[in-house]
Protein backbone atom coordinates (compact mmCIF):
# COMPACT_ATOMS: atom_id res chain seq x y z
CA MET A 1 0.00 0.00 0.00
CA GLN A 2 2.86 2.40 0.81
CA LYS A 3 4.55 1.64 -2.52
CA LEU A 4 1.32 2.34 -4.39
CA THR A 5 0.86 5.64 -2.53
CA ALA A 6 4.47 6.62 -3.24
CA LEU A 7 4.04 5.77 -6.94
CA ILE A 8 0.83 7.80 -7.25
CA LEU A 9 2.38 10.74 -5.40
CA THR A 10 5.49 10.63 -7.61
CA LEU A 11 3.41 10.57 -10.80
CA PHE A 12 1.22 13.39 -9.56
CA LEU A 13 4.14 15.65 -8.65
CA SER A 14 6.10 14.87 -11.82
CA GLY A 15 3.16 16.15 -13.86
CA CYS A 16 3.73 19.62 -12.41
CA VAL A 17 7.20 19.91 -13.96
CA PHE A 18 6.77 17.89 -17.11
CA PRO A 19 9.01 19.52 -19.77
CA GLY A 20 6.33 19.45 -22.46
CA VAL A 21 3.87 21.69 -20.58
CA TYR A 22 2.78 24.68 -22.66
CA LYS A 23 3.30 28.07 -21.02
CA ILE A 24 1.42 31.08 -22.31
CA ASN A 25 2.73 34.58 -22.98
CA VAL A 26 1.68 37.00 -20.25
CA GLN A 27 1.30 40.71 -20.91
CA GLN A 28 -0.02 43.27 -18.47
CA GLY A 29 -0.40 47.02 -18.34
CA ASN A 30 -0.45 49.91 -20.78
CA ILE A 31 1.04 49.49 -24.25
CA VAL A 32 2.39 52.95 -25.10
CA THR A 33 4.23 53.66 -28.36
CA ASP A 34 6.67 56.40 -29.41
CA GLU A 35 3.91 57.77 -31.64
CA GLU A 36 1.63 58.31 -28.65
CA LEU A 37 4.43 59.91 -26.64
CA SER A 38 5.17 62.31 -29.50
CA GLN A 39 1.54 63.54 -29.34
CA LEU A 40 2.03 64.86 -25.81
CA ALA A 41 2.43 68.63 -25.61
CA GLU A 42 3.30 70.76 -22.62
CA GLY A 43 0.21 72.31 -21.05
CA MET A 44 -2.23 69.51 -21.96
CA SER A 45 -4.85 68.68 -19.34
CA ARG A 46 -4.95 65.28 -17.62
CA SER A 47 -8.00 64.26 -19.63
CA GLN A 48 -6.18 65.09 -22.88
CA VAL A 49 -3.16 63.02 -21.79
CA HIS A 50 -5.48 60.14 -20.86
CA ALA A 51 -7.17 60.41 -24.27
CA VAL A 52 -3.76 59.93 -25.94
CA MET A 53 -2.16 57.37 -23.62
CA GLY A 54 -5.05 55.68 -21.85
CA THR A 55 -5.70 55.40 -18.15
CA PRO A 56 -2.53 55.15 -16.03
CA LEU A 57 -1.84 51.83 -14.37
CA MET A 58 -0.77 53.35 -11.06
CA LEU A 59 -1.62 56.57 -9.26
CA ASN A 60 0.10 57.87 -6.16
CA PRO A 61 -2.67 59.08 -3.81
CA VAL A 62 -0.19 61.25 -1.88
CA ASP A 63 1.53 62.90 -4.88
CA LEU A 64 -0.89 63.65 -7.72
CA SER A 65 1.85 65.26 -9.83
CA ARG A 66 2.84 61.86 -11.31
CA GLU A 67 1.10 59.06 -13.19
CA TYR A 68 2.69 55.71 -14.01
CA TYR A 69 2.21 53.73 -17.21
CA VAL A 70 3.76 50.28 -16.82
CA TYR A 71 3.79 47.39 -19.29
CA THR A 72 5.28 43.95 -18.62
CA PHE A 73 5.65 41.01 -20.96
CA GLN A 74 6.75 37.45 -20.23
CA ARG A 75 7.15 35.04 -23.12
CA GLY A 76 6.30 31.43 -22.22
CA GLY A 77 7.54 31.47 -18.64
CA GLY A 78 10.80 33.23 -19.56
CA GLU A 79 12.31 36.53 -18.52
CA ILE A 80 9.96 39.41 -17.65
CA LYS A 81 10.51 42.54 -19.77
CA GLU A 82 9.24 45.86 -18.43
CA GLN A 83 8.47 49.26 -19.92
CA ARG A 84 7.88 52.19 -17.58
CA ILE A 85 6.71 55.73 -18.32
CA ILE A 86 6.21 58.39 -15.65
CA VAL A 87 4.13 61.41 -16.67
CA TYR A 88 4.70 64.58 -14.62
CA TYR A 89 2.18 67.37 -14.08
CA GLU A 90 2.52 70.89 -12.72
CA GLY A 91 -0.83 71.72 -11.22
CA ASP A 92 -3.23 69.95 -13.56
CA GLN A 93 -1.20 70.57 -16.72
CA TYR A 94 1.18 68.11 -18.42
CA ALA A 95 4.84 69.09 -17.91
CA HIS A 96 7.08 66.24 -19.16
CA TYR A 97 7.67 62.49 -19.00
CA GLU A 98 10.44 60.01 -18.23
CA ALA A 99 10.46 56.74 -20.12
CA LYS A 100 12.28 53.43 -20.08
CA LEU A 101 10.89 51.83 -23.23
CA LEU A 102 11.35 48.36 -24.65
CA GLU A 103 13.15 48.18 -28.00
CA GLU A 104 10.07 46.48 -29.37
CA THR A 105 6.65 45.91 -27.85
CA PRO A 106 6.19 42.15 -28.18
CA ALA A 107 2.44 42.32 -27.69
CA TYR A 108 0.31 39.74 -29.44
């Protein structure tokens, strides 16, 4: 009985790490392109920036002068690639942005 239990347990656990298991691509966040960033102009309102770039992924409730657009992509269980854009406001007007973009957006 113990041998049978050990065999069943071994087969069950080996199924979790079987090398032929398909792993999906995982993408999350805002896909922002250079074209969209080039449409930003100093003095735009928040709603205009959101119309161009979409809704920010993260907002800082303490400091409303920044909005964060983050995009991550993981191909089939591999390395996670990240793109991060921080949009800065002075008052309620767009001032500038900082960006760490991916060389290519591997979406889809």
